[in-house]
Protein backbone atom coordinates (compact mmCIF):
# COMPACT_ATOMS: atom_id res chain seq x y z
CA MET A 1 21.61 -62.57 25.15
CA ALA A 2 20.96 -62.72 21.41
CA GLN A 3 17.60 -60.94 21.58
CA ARG A 4 18.71 -58.15 23.98
CA PRO A 5 20.10 -55.81 21.53
CA LYS A 6 16.59 -56.05 19.65
CA LYS A 7 14.64 -55.73 22.84
CA LEU A 8 17.14 -52.09 23.34
CA LYS A 9 16.15 -50.93 19.61
CA ALA A 10 12.28 -51.55 20.58
CA LYS A 11 12.64 -49.82 23.91
CA ARG A 12 14.04 -46.61 21.92
CA ALA A 13 11.77 -47.29 19.30
CA LYS A 14 9.04 -46.87 21.79
CA LYS A 15 10.28 -43.68 23.18
CA ALA A 16 8.12 -40.87 21.62
CA LYS A 17 10.81 -38.25 19.79
CA PHE A 18 11.07 -35.05 22.09
CA ASP A 19 8.58 -32.10 20.28
CA PRO A 20 9.42 -28.68 21.11
CA LYS A 21 6.17 -27.21 20.31
CA SER A 22 4.22 -30.19 22.51
CA PHE A 23 6.73 -29.41 25.59
CA LEU A 24 5.96 -25.87 25.23
CA ALA A 25 2.33 -26.18 25.21
CA GLU A 26 2.40 -28.18 28.67
CA ALA A 27 3.04 -26.34 32.06
CA GLY A 28 6.11 -27.72 34.04
CA LYS A 29 8.89 -26.76 36.71
CA VAL A 30 10.92 -24.32 34.30
CA ARG A 31 7.70 -23.49 32.77
CA ALA A 32 4.84 -21.43 33.75
CA ARG A 33 1.86 -20.71 31.28
CA THR A 34 0.05 -17.46 32.26
CA THR A 35 -3.29 -15.61 30.49
CA TYR A 36 -3.09 -11.84 30.02
CA GLU A 37 -6.17 -9.94 28.84
CA LYS A 38 -5.67 -7.08 26.28
CA ASN A 39 -3.20 -3.87 26.85
CA GLU A 40 -1.73 -6.15 30.03
CA THR A 41 2.05 -5.43 30.45
CA VAL A 42 4.12 -8.66 30.70
CA PHE A 43 7.27 -7.11 31.35
CA SER A 44 8.04 -3.40 31.41
CA GLN A 45 11.24 -1.88 29.56
CA GLY A 46 14.09 -1.79 32.81
CA ASP A 47 12.81 -5.20 34.53
CA PRO A 48 15.46 -7.40 35.09
CA ALA A 49 15.89 -10.11 32.38
CA ASP A 50 15.58 -13.61 33.64
CA ALA A 51 13.52 -15.71 31.37
CA ILE A 52 12.17 -16.10 27.98
CA PHE A 53 8.42 -16.17 26.65
CA TYR A 54 6.85 -18.25 23.80
CA ILE A 55 3.42 -17.00 22.74
CA GLN A 56 0.61 -19.53 22.47
CA LYS A 57 -2.23 -17.31 21.45
CA GLY A 58 -2.47 -13.73 20.41
CA LYS A 59 -0.71 -11.18 19.49
CA ILE A 60 2.09 -8.88 21.63
CA LYS A 61 4.06 -5.60 20.53
CA LEU A 62 7.58 -4.63 21.78
CA THR A 63 7.86 -1.03 22.71
CA VAL A 64 10.96 1.13 23.49
CA VAL A 65 10.51 4.86 25.22
CA SER A 66 13.28 7.08 24.83
CA ARG A 67 15.03 9.34 27.89
CA ASP A 68 12.58 12.10 26.43
CA GLY A 69 9.47 10.12 26.76
CA LYS A 70 8.94 9.32 22.61
CA GLU A 71 7.82 5.92 22.29
CA ALA A 72 8.40 3.67 19.28
CA VAL A 73 6.83 0.21 18.87
CA VAL A 74 10.05 -2.44 17.27
CA ALA A 75 8.13 -5.46 17.20
CA LEU A 76 4.78 -6.87 16.57
CA LEU A 77 5.31 -10.31 17.50
CA GLY A 78 2.22 -13.74 17.25
CA ALA A 79 1.49 -17.23 18.00
CA GLY A 80 4.49 -19.26 17.76
CA ASP A 81 7.35 -16.35 18.06
CA PHE A 82 9.70 -16.26 21.49
CA PHE A 83 10.45 -12.72 23.10
CA GLY A 84 12.59 -11.80 25.44
CA GLU A 85 15.62 -14.04 24.80
CA GLY A 86 18.21 -11.32 24.88
CA CYS A 87 18.72 -12.26 28.32
CA LEU A 88 20.21 -15.57 26.90
CA ALA A 89 23.30 -13.58 25.49
CA GLY A 90 23.94 -11.94 28.69
CA GLN A 91 21.17 -9.03 29.00
CA PRO A 92 21.00 -7.95 33.07
CA LEU A 93 17.69 -5.66 32.10
CA ARG A 94 15.28 -5.35 29.38
CA MET A 95 15.48 -3.42 26.53
CA ALA A 96 11.89 -3.27 25.88
CA SER A 97 8.24 -3.17 27.11
CA ALA A 98 6.14 -6.07 26.42
CA THR A 99 2.19 -5.65 26.06
CA THR A 100 -0.54 -7.74 24.60
CA MET A 101 -2.70 -6.49 21.98
CA SER A 102 -5.19 -9.21 22.59
CA ASP A 103 -6.19 -11.65 24.64
CA CYS A 104 -2.79 -13.65 25.15
CA SER A 105 -1.85 -17.38 26.39
CA VAL A 106 1.93 -17.14 26.99
CA MET A 107 4.84 -19.56 28.25
CA ARG A 108 7.37 -18.13 30.68
CA LEU A 109 10.89 -20.49 30.49
CA GLU A 110 13.20 -19.90 33.05
CA LYS A 111 16.67 -18.67 31.88
CA ALA A 112 18.30 -21.70 33.59
CA GLY A 113 15.89 -23.99 32.10
CA VAL A 114 16.23 -22.67 29.10
CA VAL A 115 20.00 -22.95 28.98
CA ARG A 116 19.63 -26.71 29.81
CA MET A 117 17.50 -27.46 27.23
CA LEU A 118 19.34 -25.80 24.78
CA HIS A 119 22.42 -28.31 25.78
CA ASP A 120 19.98 -31.31 26.11
CA GLN A 121 17.45 -30.61 23.21
CA PRO A 122 18.83 -30.52 20.10
CA ALA A 123 15.07 -29.97 18.34
CA PHE A 124 14.28 -26.95 20.89
CA SER A 125 17.84 -25.24 19.98
CA GLU A 126 16.81 -26.03 16.37
CA LEU A 127 13.40 -24.32 17.19
CA LEU A 128 14.60 -21.26 18.94
CA LEU A 129 17.67 -20.98 16.26
CA HIS A 130 15.01 -20.98 13.67
CA HIS A 131 12.98 -17.87 15.48
CA LEU A 132 16.35 -15.94 16.03
CA LEU A 133 16.83 -16.16 12.26
CA SER A 134 13.63 -15.33 11.00
CA ARG A 135 13.51 -12.29 13.44
CA ASN A 136 16.95 -11.19 11.74
CA ILE A 137 15.22 -11.15 8.41
CA ARG A 138 12.34 -9.28 9.79
CA ILE A 139 14.40 -6.73 11.45
CA GLU A 140 16.58 -6.47 8.10
CA GLU A 141 13.32 -6.31 5.75
CA ASP A 142 11.56 -3.39 8.64
CA LEU A 143 15.24 -1.45 7.93
CA VAL A 144 14.99 -1.59 4.00
CA ASP A 145 11.37 -0.54 4.69
CA GLN A 146 12.18 2.11 6.80
CA LEU A 147 14.88 3.44 4.79
CA PHE A 148 13.38 3.22 0.86
CA ASN A 149 9.32 2.96 1.30
CA SER A 150 6.50 5.19 1.74
CA SER A 151 4.54 5.48 4.57
CA GLU A 152 1.98 4.02 2.56
CA LYS A 153 3.65 1.21 1.80
CA ARG A 154 4.57 0.40 5.03
CA LEU A 155 1.35 0.89 6.37
CA ALA A 156 0.14 -2.05 4.05
CA ARG A 157 2.98 -4.31 4.44
CA VAL A 158 2.30 -3.84 8.05
CA LEU A 159 -1.42 -4.69 7.92
CA LEU A 160 -0.60 -7.56 5.81
CA LEU A 161 2.03 -8.84 8.60
CA LEU A 162 -0.78 -8.37 10.96
CA ALA A 163 -2.70 -11.21 9.30
CA ASN A 164 -0.22 -13.31 8.88
CA PHE A 165 0.32 -13.10 4.98
CA GLY A 166 3.89 -14.39 4.18
CA LYS A 167 4.43 -16.60 7.01
CA GLU A 168 3.78 -20.10 7.87
CA GLY A 169 0.23 -21.23 8.41
CA LYS A 170 -2.97 -20.10 7.51
CA PRO A 171 -3.12 -16.17 6.95
CA GLU A 172 -5.82 -14.95 9.87
CA PRO A 173 -7.78 -11.63 7.48
CA VAL A 174 -9.28 -10.44 10.62
CA ILE A 175 -6.58 -9.24 12.87
CA PRO A 176 -7.11 -7.63 16.95
CA LYS A 177 -8.29 -4.03 16.68
CA ILE A 178 -5.00 -1.64 16.54
CA SER A 179 -5.27 2.32 17.38
CA GLN A 180 -4.00 4.58 14.44
CA GLU A 181 -1.70 6.04 17.14
CA THR A 182 0.03 2.40 17.37
CA LEU A 183 0.54 1.63 13.93
CA ALA A 184 1.69 5.66 13.61
CA GLU A 185 4.53 4.40 15.83
CA ILE A 186 5.27 1.60 14.14
CA ILE A 187 5.44 2.95 10.55
CA GLY A 188 7.34 6.06 11.77
CA THR A 189 4.80 8.29 10.56
CA THR A 190 1.53 10.64 11.78
CA ARG A 191 -2.00 9.16 12.87
CA SER A 192 -3.48 11.77 10.52
CA ARG A 193 -1.18 9.90 7.93
CA VAL A 194 -2.50 6.46 9.14
CA SER A 195 -6.40 7.58 8.67
CA PHE A 196 -5.45 9.23 5.58
CA PHE A 197 -4.35 5.49 3.89
CA MET A 198 -6.30 3.48 5.78
CA ASN A 199 -9.47 5.30 4.27
CA ARG A 200 -8.27 4.88 1.00
CA PHE A 201 -7.50 1.15 1.35
CA ARG A 202 -11.16 0.60 2.39
CA LYS A 203 -12.59 2.83 -0.41
CA LEU A 204 -10.06 0.52 -2.92
CA GLY A 205 -11.60 -2.28 -0.90
CA PHE A 206 -8.68 -3.90 0.26
CA ILE A 207 -9.77 -3.65 3.73
CA GLU A 208 -13.20 -3.66 5.43
CA TYR A 209 -14.37 -2.98 9.13
CA ASN A 210 -17.08 -5.76 9.86
CA GLY A 211 -16.37 -6.35 13.73
CA GLY A 212 -12.90 -5.84 13.46
CA LEU A 213 -10.10 -5.28 10.66
CA GLU A 214 -10.50 -7.39 7.95
CA VAL A 215 -7.60 -7.62 5.36
CA HIS A 216 -7.22 -9.04 2.05
CA SER A 217 -4.50 -10.07 -0.02
CA SER A 218 -5.07 -7.58 -2.91
CA LEU A 219 -3.45 -5.00 -0.14
CA LEU A 220 -0.36 -6.52 -1.86
CA ASN A 221 -0.96 -4.45 -4.68
CA ILE A 222 0.14 -1.14 -2.88
CA ILE A 223 3.23 -2.91 -2.01
CA LEU A 224 4.39 -4.12 -5.54
CA HIS A 225 3.20 -1.00 -7.15
CA ASP A 226 5.82 1.28 -8.10
């Protein structure tokens, strides 16, 4: 009888800790992995909101269309990001459309299953909370950017974010091809202005076109320069 507690401790020690990222990398009952090609729609504005999504690979943009047909890009997301989480707060319909900007691998997580995991798996709750707080910080930064920075600085910031500069993990200098129209929608300016700034960045050596758009860390000089 005296050895029983030791055996229980040994079993607990052998039991693997819950790894949320490994969990999200495997398909199962409440989660299903789907691959998308570039420019495919994951969900559309107005669709029922009954699941959240986790990006395993690739980049996705969230766009909103007004009643008069004006479109705006409200977020650019990459590997390790969640989206569609509004359903967890009672959002019945999608407020935005999610479209792939490159080939993507996306995990779909049913709302009911996610709610159970949030109660049963503290590590998963921590991962999702970290994402939500990071997203909130990004939204605040975007607002400050729109209010106080020039369109040139806003463009530089978007390109650096697309290349993962300033984010966890290694930067990805070569980013998926993105149209100047999309960049204009993101920063709130015209395509002609984006074209002007992109040519200027290239001449200054901040970006290169070499089978893709390559962004250099020196582009930070545009943001830091007053």
